[in-house]
Amino acid sequence: MRSLSRWGFTAAMVGLMGSAIAHAQEPAAAAFGPGEQAQYRVKYLGMTAGTATVTVGAPMTQWGQSVWPIVALAKSDDIVGLYPVKSRYVTYWNAATQRITGSDLHSEENRKRRRQRIQLTPDSKGAKVVKQKESDPPRETNHELPDGALDMTGAAFSLRGQDLTVGRTYTYPVFTGSRLFTMSATVEARETLATQMGPRDAFRVRVHTEFGGNLESKRDLTAYFTTDARHVPLRMEAEFALGSIVVEMTDYKPGRAVAVARADD
């Protein structure tokens, strides 16, 4: 069940960032926008273990930048028989630069609380990480990062804006707050996926990650995204060291359409 506390930055899956040297491009319709909300059911070892909701919030200012907060809430079911888990993970997404400015995690596992804040430098080449458990004093560390580093949620939402093509592989630097790795996502096929909302045309994407500990993968993750312009994550299947996990969408509400003037290399 520890996976649920980290689902805020693993359930959405993969993506890509632009360069720090920017010039304005023509406005483009974003794949998502403020007000979008997706609800998911989380299964652990074949049993319903909890729920998760991912919402794109209203524009706000964070660390001097205009961002959309992408809020992931996860909660375990009381009937599972394992200790309860609640988590709130917020990624701060800069739609103009297609970068993240950082993130905030607040989680409660077995009634023990912890928090983590990641603040990236404007060029995304460095990060300040503050971690705190219960009543312990906060611990601060600084990290050097490759250009355009993402967290998992930022990566997933960035991928949604790509022109997904069967046979193409996308690679991205991902930073979790303690671990940095290169993640790859390969669009393997287009198929029809059965969902609670009925059949949906979907891209099947194989995702390679390098998590450690209980989240070390026994095989690559499999993710499904809708084939329409929104590329909404429909389902994720994973075999972690702690067991198999399936995350599947149960409800979806689109956000408002937004034209974004992107700044890319």
C-alpha atoms as a PDB file:
ATOM      1  CA  MET A   1       0.000   0.000   0.000  1.00  0.00           C
ATOM      2  CA  ARG A   2       2.974   2.372   0.122  1.00  0.00           C
ATOM      3  CA  SER A   3       2.500   2.717  -3.608  1.00  0.00           C
ATOM      4  CA  LEU A   4      -0.689   4.696  -3.050  1.00  0.00           C
ATOM      5  CA  SER A   5       1.199   7.437  -1.200  1.00  0.00           C
ATOM      6  CA  ARG A   6       3.406   7.847  -4.265  1.00  0.00           C
ATOM      7  CA  TRP A   7       0.630   7.486  -6.802  1.00  0.00           C
ATOM      8  CA  GLY A   8       0.359  11.267  -7.064  1.00  0.00           C
ATOM      9  CA  PHE A   9       3.514  11.286  -9.138  1.00  0.00           C
ATOM     10  CA  THR A  10       3.457   7.807 -10.700  1.00  0.00           C
ATOM     11  CA  ALA A  11      -0.104   7.224 -11.858  1.00  0.00           C
ATOM     12  CA  ALA A  12      -0.154   9.763 -14.632  1.00  0.00           C
ATOM     13  CA  MET A  13       3.033   8.436 -16.299  1.00  0.00           C
ATOM     14  CA  VAL A  14       5.410  10.109 -18.857  1.00  0.00           C
ATOM     15  CA  GLY A  15       6.475  13.289 -20.726  1.00  0.00           C
ATOM     16  CA  LEU A  16       8.962  15.751 -22.219  1.00  0.00           C
ATOM     17  CA  MET A  17      10.194  19.319 -21.529  1.00  0.00           C
ATOM     18  CA  GLY A  18      11.542  22.065 -23.761  1.00  0.00           C
ATOM     19  CA  SER A  19      14.770  24.046 -23.655  1.00  0.00           C
ATOM     20  CA  ALA A  20      15.679  26.880 -21.315  1.00  0.00           C
ATOM     21  CA  ILE A  21      16.480  29.165 -24.289  1.00  0.00           C
ATOM     22  CA  ALA A  22      13.085  30.238 -25.540  1.00  0.00           C
ATOM     23  CA  HIS A  23      11.292  32.117 -28.277  1.00  0.00           C
ATOM     24  CA  ALA A  24       7.569  32.637 -28.725  1.00  0.00           C
ATOM     25  CA  GLN A  25       5.606  30.333 -30.996  1.00  0.00           C
ATOM     26  CA  GLU A  26       2.083  30.613 -32.351  1.00  0.00           C
ATOM     27  CA  PRO A  27      -0.577  29.779 -29.730  1.00  0.00           C
ATOM     28  CA  ALA A  28      -1.568  26.116 -29.757  1.00  0.00           C
ATOM     29  CA  ALA A  29      -4.571  24.431 -28.204  1.00  0.00           C
ATOM     30  CA  ALA A  30      -3.478  22.657 -25.026  1.00  0.00           C
ATOM     31  CA  ALA A  31      -4.339  18.988 -24.532  1.00  0.00           C
ATOM     32  CA  PHE A  32      -5.706  19.877 -21.103  1.00  0.00           C
ATOM     33  CA  GLY A  33      -6.701  22.954 -19.150  1.00  0.00           C
ATOM     34  CA  PRO A  34      -7.918  24.235 -15.781  1.00  0.00           C
ATOM     35  CA  GLY A  35     -11.005  22.417 -14.551  1.00  0.00           C
ATOM     36  CA  GLU A  36     -10.090  19.017 -15.959  1.00  0.00           C
ATOM     37  CA  GLN A  37     -10.704  16.181 -13.509  1.00  0.00           C
ATOM     38  CA  ALA A  38     -10.095  12.441 -13.812  1.00  0.00           C
ATOM     39  CA  GLN A  39     -11.075   9.836 -11.231  1.00  0.00           C
ATOM     40  CA  TYR A  40      -9.373   6.447 -10.926  1.00  0.00           C
ATOM     41  CA  ARG A  41      -9.767   3.162  -9.095  1.00  0.00           C
ATOM     42  CA  VAL A  42      -6.561   1.611  -7.761  1.00  0.00           C
ATOM     43  CA  LYS A  43      -6.265  -2.182  -7.563  1.00  0.00           C
ATOM     44  CA  TYR A  44      -3.526  -3.939  -5.610  1.00  0.00           C
ATOM     45  CA  LEU A  45      -2.963  -7.663  -6.174  1.00  0.00           C
ATOM     46  CA  GLY A  46      -6.298  -7.795  -7.995  1.00  0.00           C
ATOM     47  CA  MET A  47      -8.262  -6.217  -5.130  1.00  0.00           C
ATOM     48  CA  THR A  48      -9.690  -2.694  -5.052  1.00  0.00           C
ATOM     49  CA  ALA A  49      -7.361  -0.836  -2.712  1.00  0.00           C
ATOM     50  CA  GLY A  50      -8.265   2.811  -3.066  1.00  0.00           C
ATOM     51  CA  THR A  51      -9.132   5.754  -5.267  1.00  0.00           C
ATOM     52  CA  ALA A  52      -7.281   8.653  -6.828  1.00  0.00           C
ATOM     53  CA  THR A  53      -8.406  11.948  -8.341  1.00  0.00           C
ATOM     54  CA  VAL A  54      -6.288  14.167 -10.595  1.00  0.00           C
ATOM     55  CA  THR A  55      -7.456  17.774 -11.073  1.00  0.00           C
ATOM     56  CA  VAL A  56      -6.005  20.672 -13.030  1.00  0.00           C
ATOM     57  CA  GLY A  57      -6.587  23.710 -10.835  1.00  0.00           C
ATOM     58  CA  ALA A  58      -7.113  27.389 -11.604  1.00  0.00           C
ATOM     59  CA  PRO A  59      -4.082  29.483 -12.620  1.00  0.00           C
ATOM     60  CA  MET A  60      -1.986  30.739  -9.709  1.00  0.00           C
ATOM     61  CA  THR A  61       1.456  32.167  -9.005  1.00  0.00           C
ATOM     62  CA  GLN A  62       4.128  29.942  -7.472  1.00  0.00           C
ATOM     63  CA  TRP A  63       7.731  31.063  -6.946  1.00  0.00           C
ATOM     64  CA  GLY A  64       7.159  34.038  -9.223  1.00  0.00           C
ATOM     65  CA  GLN A  65       5.771  32.042 -12.151  1.00  0.00           C
ATOM     66  CA  SER A  66       2.237  31.670 -13.479  1.00  0.00           C
ATOM     67  CA  VAL A  67       1.305  27.985 -13.162  1.00  0.00           C
ATOM     68  CA  TRP A  68      -1.544  25.503 -13.201  1.00  0.00           C
ATOM     69  CA  PRO A  69      -1.536  23.298 -10.091  1.00  0.00           C
ATOM     70  CA  ILE A  70      -2.061  19.645 -11.022  1.00  0.00           C
ATOM     71  CA  VAL A  71      -3.450  18.098  -7.831  1.00  0.00           C
ATOM     72  CA  ALA A  72      -3.429  14.323  -7.274  1.00  0.00           C
ATOM     73  CA  LEU A  73      -5.347  13.011  -4.254  1.00  0.00           C
ATOM     74  CA  ALA A  74      -5.032   9.344  -3.276  1.00  0.00           C
ATOM     75  CA  LYS A  75      -6.805   7.464  -0.491  1.00  0.00           C
ATOM     76  CA  SER A  76      -6.749   3.802   0.465  1.00  0.00           C
ATOM     77  CA  ASP A  77      -9.965   1.909   1.252  1.00  0.00           C
ATOM     78  CA  ASP A  78     -10.570   1.144   4.916  1.00  0.00           C
ATOM     79  CA  ILE A  79     -11.677  -2.401   4.137  1.00  0.00           C
ATOM     80  CA  VAL A  80      -8.353  -3.458   2.645  1.00  0.00           C
ATOM     81  CA  GLY A  81      -6.990  -4.531   6.026  1.00  0.00           C
ATOM     82  CA  LEU A  82      -3.688  -2.720   5.643  1.00  0.00           C
ATOM     83  CA  TYR A  83      -2.724   0.533   7.270  1.00  0.00           C
ATOM     84  CA  PRO A  84      -4.484   3.622   5.870  1.00  0.00           C
ATOM     85  CA  VAL A  85      -2.834   5.878   3.317  1.00  0.00           C
ATOM     86  CA  LYS A  86      -3.789   9.403   2.291  1.00  0.00           C
ATOM     87  CA  SER A  87      -1.705  11.641   0.068  1.00  0.00           C
ATOM     88  CA  ARG A  88      -1.910  14.964  -1.726  1.00  0.00           C
ATOM     89  CA  TYR A  89       0.637  15.660  -4.432  1.00  0.00           C
ATOM     90  CA  VAL A  90       0.711  18.968  -6.337  1.00  0.00           C
ATOM     91  CA  THR A  91       2.805  19.598  -9.430  1.00  0.00           C
ATOM     92  CA  TYR A  92       3.119  23.229 -10.497  1.00  0.00           C
ATOM     93  CA  TRP A  93       2.894  23.280 -14.314  1.00  0.00           C
ATOM     94  CA  ASN A  94       4.004  26.294 -16.382  1.00  0.00           C
ATOM     95  CA  ALA A  95       1.922  25.972 -19.553  1.00  0.00           C
ATOM     96  CA  ALA A  96       3.913  28.624 -21.438  1.00  0.00           C
ATOM     97  CA  THR A  97       7.305  26.965 -20.983  1.00  0.00           C
ATOM     98  CA  GLN A  98       6.020  23.372 -20.746  1.00  0.00           C
ATOM     99  CA  ARG A  99       8.084  23.037 -17.572  1.00  0.00           C
ATOM    100  CA  ILE A 100       7.351  22.452 -13.923  1.00  0.00           C
ATOM    101  CA  THR A 101       8.419  24.856 -11.192  1.00  0.00           C
ATOM    102  CA  GLY A 102       8.324  22.180  -8.493  1.00  0.00           C
ATOM    103  CA  SER A 103       5.949  20.159  -6.355  1.00  0.00           C
ATOM    104  CA  ASP A 104       4.497  19.607  -2.873  1.00  0.00           C
ATOM    105  CA  LEU A 105       3.730  16.236  -1.297  1.00  0.00           C
ATOM    106  CA  HIS A 106       1.771  15.735   1.933  1.00  0.00           C
ATOM    107  CA  SER A 107       1.113  12.142   2.906  1.00  0.00           C
ATOM    108  CA  GLU A 108      -0.148  10.179   5.889  1.00  0.00           C
ATOM    109  CA  GLU A 109       0.788   6.503   6.107  1.00  0.00           C
ATOM    110  CA  ASN A 110      -0.399   4.518   9.109  1.00  0.00           C
ATOM    111  CA  ARG A 111      -1.179   7.879  10.771  1.00  0.00           C
ATOM    112  CA  LYS A 112       2.412   9.037  10.344  1.00  0.00           C
ATOM    113  CA  ARG A 113       2.804  12.206   8.351  1.00  0.00           C
ATOM    114  CA  ARG A 114       5.543  13.341   6.043  1.00  0.00           C
ATOM    115  CA  ARG A 115       6.004  16.127   3.546  1.00  0.00           C
ATOM    116  CA  GLN A 116       8.307  16.904   0.674  1.00  0.00           C
ATOM    117  CA  ARG A 117       8.759  20.114  -1.313  1.00  0.00           C
ATOM    118  CA  ILE A 118      10.773  20.334  -4.514  1.00  0.00           C
ATOM    119  CA  GLN A 119      11.574  23.782  -5.901  1.00  0.00           C
ATOM    120  CA  LEU A 120      13.264  23.871  -9.281  1.00  0.00           C
ATOM    121  CA  THR A 121      15.436  26.707 -10.553  1.00  0.00           C
ATOM    122  CA  PRO A 122      13.916  28.686 -13.473  1.00  0.00           C
ATOM    123  CA  ASP A 123      16.074  26.768 -15.969  1.00  0.00           C
ATOM    124  CA  SER A 124      15.140  23.393 -14.395  1.00  0.00           C
ATOM    125  CA  LYS A 125      18.829  22.549 -14.000  1.00  0.00           C
ATOM    126  CA  GLY A 126      18.775  22.498 -10.214  1.00  0.00           C
ATOM    127  CA  ALA A 127      16.403  21.756  -7.360  1.00  0.00           C
ATOM    128  CA  LYS A 128      16.063  22.439  -3.650  1.00  0.00           C
ATOM    129  CA  VAL A 129      14.391  19.554  -1.816  1.00  0.00           C
ATOM    130  CA  VAL A 130      12.936  19.867   1.692  1.00  0.00           C
ATOM    131  CA  LYS A 131      11.781  16.680   3.446  1.00  0.00           C
ATOM    132  CA  GLN A 132      10.182  16.324   6.875  1.00  0.00           C
ATOM    133  CA  LYS A 133       8.753  13.397   8.838  1.00  0.00           C
ATOM    134  CA  GLU A 134       6.302  13.906  11.711  1.00  0.00           C
ATOM    135  CA  SER A 135       7.848  16.266  14.282  1.00  0.00           C
ATOM    136  CA  ASP A 136      11.423  15.883  12.993  1.00  0.00           C
ATOM    137  CA  PRO A 137      13.129  19.057  11.783  1.00  0.00           C
ATOM    138  CA  PRO A 138      13.062  19.554   7.996  1.00  0.00           C
ATOM    139  CA  ARG A 139      16.067  18.347   5.991  1.00  0.00           C
ATOM    140  CA  GLU A 140      17.155  20.404   2.985  1.00  0.00           C
ATOM    141  CA  THR A 141      19.308  19.206   0.096  1.00  0.00           C
ATOM    142  CA  ASN A 142      20.310  20.679  -3.271  1.00  0.00           C
ATOM    143  CA  HIS A 143      20.588  18.750  -6.524  1.00  0.00           C
ATOM    144  CA  GLU A 144      21.973  19.395  -9.986  1.00  0.00           C
ATOM    145  CA  LEU A 145      19.629  18.268 -12.751  1.00  0.00           C
ATOM    146  CA  PRO A 146      19.792  17.861 -16.524  1.00  0.00           C
ATOM    147  CA  ASP A 147      18.042  20.469 -18.636  1.00  0.00           C
ATOM    148  CA  GLY A 148      14.242  20.247 -18.454  1.00  0.00           C
ATOM    149  CA  ALA A 149      13.955  17.691 -15.647  1.00  0.00           C
ATOM    150  CA  LEU A 150      10.390  16.667 -14.698  1.00  0.00           C
ATOM    151  CA  ASP A 151       8.547  14.832 -11.996  1.00  0.00           C
ATOM    152  CA  MET A 152       6.296  11.954 -13.061  1.00  0.00           C
ATOM    153  CA  THR A 153       3.103  14.005 -13.208  1.00  0.00           C
ATOM    154  CA  GLY A 154       4.761  16.729 -15.258  1.00  0.00           C
ATOM    155  CA  ALA A 155       6.137  14.080 -17.586  1.00  0.00           C
ATOM    156  CA  ALA A 156       2.708  12.522 -18.106  1.00  0.00           C
ATOM    157  CA  PHE A 157       1.020  15.822 -18.838  1.00  0.00           C
ATOM    158  CA  SER A 158       3.817  16.863 -21.174  1.00  0.00           C
ATOM    159  CA  LEU A 159       3.439  13.617 -23.128  1.00  0.00           C
ATOM    160  CA  ARG A 160      -0.246  14.383 -23.574  1.00  0.00           C
ATOM    161  CA  GLY A 161       0.732  17.407 -25.672  1.00  0.00           C
ATOM    162  CA  GLN A 162       2.881  15.352 -28.031  1.00  0.00           C
ATOM    163  CA  ASP A 163       1.834  14.024 -31.436  1.00  0.00           C
ATOM    164  CA  LEU A 164       1.731  10.392 -30.350  1.00  0.00           C
ATOM    165  CA  THR A 165       2.786   8.047 -33.137  1.00  0.00           C
ATOM    166  CA  VAL A 166       2.895   4.258 -33.097  1.00  0.00           C
ATOM    167  CA  GLY A 167       6.497   3.086 -33.092  1.00  0.00           C
ATOM    168  CA  ARG A 168       7.945   6.304 -31.678  1.00  0.00           C
ATOM    169  CA  THR A 169       9.903   6.441 -28.395  1.00  0.00           C
ATOM    170  CA  TYR A 170      10.017   9.512 -26.133  1.00  0.00           C
ATOM    171  CA  THR A 171      12.762   9.872 -23.491  1.00  0.00           C
ATOM    172  CA  TYR A 172      12.726  12.187 -20.486  1.00  0.00           C
ATOM    173  CA  PRO A 173      14.801  13.052 -17.397  1.00  0.00           C
ATOM    174  CA  VAL A 174      12.706  12.439 -14.262  1.00  0.00           C
ATOM    175  CA  PHE A 175      13.558  13.553 -10.715  1.00  0.00           C
ATOM    176  CA  THR A 176      11.640  12.106  -7.754  1.00  0.00           C
ATOM    177  CA  GLY A 177      13.242  14.204  -5.015  1.00  0.00           C
ATOM    178  CA  SER A 178      15.891  11.615  -4.244  1.00  0.00           C
ATOM    179  CA  ARG A 179      16.434   9.746  -7.500  1.00  0.00           C
ATOM    180  CA  LEU A 180      17.158  10.907 -11.058  1.00  0.00           C
ATOM    181  CA  PHE A 181      16.700   8.630 -14.042  1.00  0.00           C
ATOM    182  CA  THR A 182      15.972   8.684 -17.751  1.00  0.00           C
ATOM    183  CA  MET A 183      12.542   7.365 -18.549  1.00  0.00           C
ATOM    184  CA  SER A 184      11.448   6.157 -21.974  1.00  0.00           C
ATOM    185  CA  ALA A 185       7.944   5.737 -23.354  1.00  0.00           C
ATOM    186  CA  THR A 186       7.312   3.764 -26.544  1.00  0.00           C
ATOM    187  CA  VAL A 187       3.948   3.919 -28.321  1.00  0.00           C
ATOM    188  CA  GLU A 188       3.454   0.258 -29.192  1.00  0.00           C
ATOM    189  CA  ALA A 189      -0.005   0.052 -30.748  1.00  0.00           C
ATOM    190  CA  ARG A 190      -3.433   1.538 -31.208  1.00  0.00           C
ATOM    191  CA  GLU A 191      -6.276  -0.589 -29.892  1.00  0.00           C
ATOM    192  CA  THR A 192      -9.754  -0.546 -28.337  1.00  0.00           C
ATOM    193  CA  LEU A 193      -9.719  -0.600 -24.531  1.00  0.00           C
ATOM    194  CA  ALA A 194     -12.678  -1.688 -22.419  1.00  0.00           C
ATOM    195  CA  THR A 195     -13.328   0.862 -19.658  1.00  0.00           C
ATOM    196  CA  GLN A 196     -16.026   1.552 -17.085  1.00  0.00           C
ATOM    197  CA  MET A 197     -17.184   4.359 -19.405  1.00  0.00           C
ATOM    198  CA  GLY A 198     -17.424   2.002 -22.376  1.00  0.00           C
ATOM    199  CA  PRO A 199     -14.913   1.111 -25.128  1.00  0.00           C
ATOM    200  CA  ARG A 200     -12.289   3.745 -25.920  1.00  0.00           C
ATOM    201  CA  ASP A 201      -9.731   3.982 -28.708  1.00  0.00           C
ATOM    202  CA  ALA A 202      -6.338   4.064 -27.006  1.00  0.00           C
ATOM    203  CA  PHE A 203      -2.609   4.135 -27.575  1.00  0.00           C
ATOM    204  CA  ARG A 204      -0.786   1.402 -25.672  1.00  0.00           C
ATOM    205  CA  VAL A 205       2.472   2.812 -24.325  1.00  0.00           C
ATOM    206  CA  ARG A 206       5.331   0.857 -22.749  1.00  0.00           C
ATOM    207  CA  VAL A 207       7.079   2.929 -20.076  1.00  0.00           C
ATOM    208  CA  HIS A 208      10.538   2.160 -18.692  1.00  0.00           C
ATOM    209  CA  THR A 209      11.289   3.585 -15.214  1.00  0.00           C
ATOM    210  CA  GLU A 210      14.082   3.135 -12.697  1.00  0.00           C
ATOM    211  CA  PHE A 211      12.409   3.407  -9.289  1.00  0.00           C
ATOM    212  CA  GLY A 212      14.070   1.707  -6.337  1.00  0.00           C
ATOM    213  CA  GLY A 213      12.884  -0.121  -3.220  1.00  0.00           C
ATOM    214  CA  ASN A 214       9.247  -1.246  -3.147  1.00  0.00           C
ATOM    215  CA  LEU A 215       8.590   0.634  -6.404  1.00  0.00           C
ATOM    216  CA  GLU A 216      11.284  -1.174  -8.373  1.00  0.00           C
ATOM    217  CA  SER A 217       9.571  -2.542 -11.478  1.00  0.00           C
ATOM    218  CA  LYS A 218       9.750  -6.209 -12.398  1.00  0.00           C
ATOM    219  CA  ARG A 219       8.855  -5.205 -15.952  1.00  0.00           C
ATOM    220  CA  ASP A 220       8.094  -2.042 -17.883  1.00  0.00           C
ATOM    221  CA  LEU A 221       4.828  -0.281 -17.054  1.00  0.00           C
ATOM    222  CA  THR A 222       1.969  -0.361 -19.548  1.00  0.00           C
ATOM    223  CA  ALA A 223      -0.111   2.786 -19.951  1.00  0.00           C
ATOM    224  CA  TYR A 224      -3.105   3.575 -22.164  1.00  0.00           C
ATOM    225  CA  PHE A 225      -3.910   7.074 -23.477  1.00  0.00           C
ATOM    226  CA  THR A 226      -6.938   8.132 -25.522  1.00  0.00           C
ATOM    227  CA  THR A 227      -6.226   8.688 -29.219  1.00  0.00           C
ATOM    228  CA  ASP A 228      -8.064  12.027 -29.357  1.00  0.00           C
ATOM    229  CA  ALA A 229      -6.280  15.357 -28.942  1.00  0.00           C
ATOM    230  CA  ARG A 230      -6.505  15.220 -25.132  1.00  0.00           C
ATOM    231  CA  HIS A 231      -4.529  11.949 -24.804  1.00  0.00           C
ATOM    232  CA  VAL A 232      -6.158  11.278 -21.422  1.00  0.00           C
ATOM    233  CA  PRO A 233      -4.533   8.492 -19.330  1.00  0.00           C
ATOM    234  CA  LEU A 234      -7.102   5.667 -19.150  1.00  0.00           C
ATOM    235  CA  ARG A 235      -5.211   2.868 -17.447  1.00  0.00           C
ATOM    236  CA  MET A 236      -1.830   1.921 -15.996  1.00  0.00           C
ATOM    237  CA  GLU A 237      -0.550  -1.569 -15.187  1.00  0.00           C
ATOM    238  CA  ALA A 238       2.607  -2.193 -13.161  1.00  0.00           C
ATOM    239  CA  GLU A 239       4.480  -5.047 -11.504  1.00  0.00           C
ATOM    240  CA  PHE A 240       6.366  -3.513  -8.585  1.00  0.00           C
ATOM    241  CA  ALA A 241       8.480  -5.359  -6.041  1.00  0.00           C
ATOM    242  CA  LEU A 242       5.587  -5.029  -3.578  1.00  0.00           C
ATOM    243  CA  GLY A 243       3.060  -6.538  -6.019  1.00  0.00           C
ATOM    244  CA  SER A 244       0.899  -5.808  -9.042  1.00  0.00           C
ATOM    245  CA  ILE A 245      -1.001  -2.532  -9.330  1.00  0.00           C
ATOM    246  CA  VAL A 246      -3.658  -1.469 -11.827  1.00  0.00           C
ATOM    247  CA  VAL A 247      -4.964   2.098 -12.029  1.00  0.00           C
ATOM    248  CA  GLU A 248      -8.071   2.545 -14.196  1.00  0.00           C
ATOM    249  CA  MET A 249     -10.237   5.561 -14.959  1.00  0.00           C
ATOM    250  CA  THR A 250     -13.804   5.620 -13.646  1.00  0.00           C
ATOM    251  CA  ASP A 251     -14.894   9.168 -14.580  1.00  0.00           C
ATOM    252  CA  TYR A 252     -13.611  12.129 -16.582  1.00  0.00           C
ATOM    253  CA  LYS A 253     -14.547  15.816 -16.952  1.00  0.00           C
ATOM    254  CA  PRO A 254     -12.649  17.942 -19.472  1.00  0.00           C
ATOM    255  CA  GLY A 255     -11.279  21.339 -18.541  1.00  0.00           C
ATOM    256  CA  ARG A 256     -11.782  24.523 -20.469  1.00  0.00           C
ATOM    257  CA  ALA A 257     -10.041  24.934 -23.813  1.00  0.00           C
ATOM    258  CA  VAL A 258      -6.950  27.108 -23.522  1.00  0.00           C
ATOM    259  CA  ALA A 259      -4.688  28.479 -26.264  1.00  0.00           C
ATOM    260  CA  VAL A 260      -1.119  28.464 -24.980  1.00  0.00           C
ATOM    261  CA  ALA A 261       1.711  30.518 -26.453  1.00  0.00           C
ATOM    262  CA  ARG A 262       4.583  28.131 -25.828  1.00  0.00           C
ATOM    263  CA  ALA A 263       8.212  29.057 -25.361  1.00  0.00           C
ATOM    264  CA  ASP A 264      10.500  26.412 -26.826  1.00  0.00           C
ATOM    265  CA  ASP A 265      13.973  26.130 -28.304  1.00  0.00           C
END
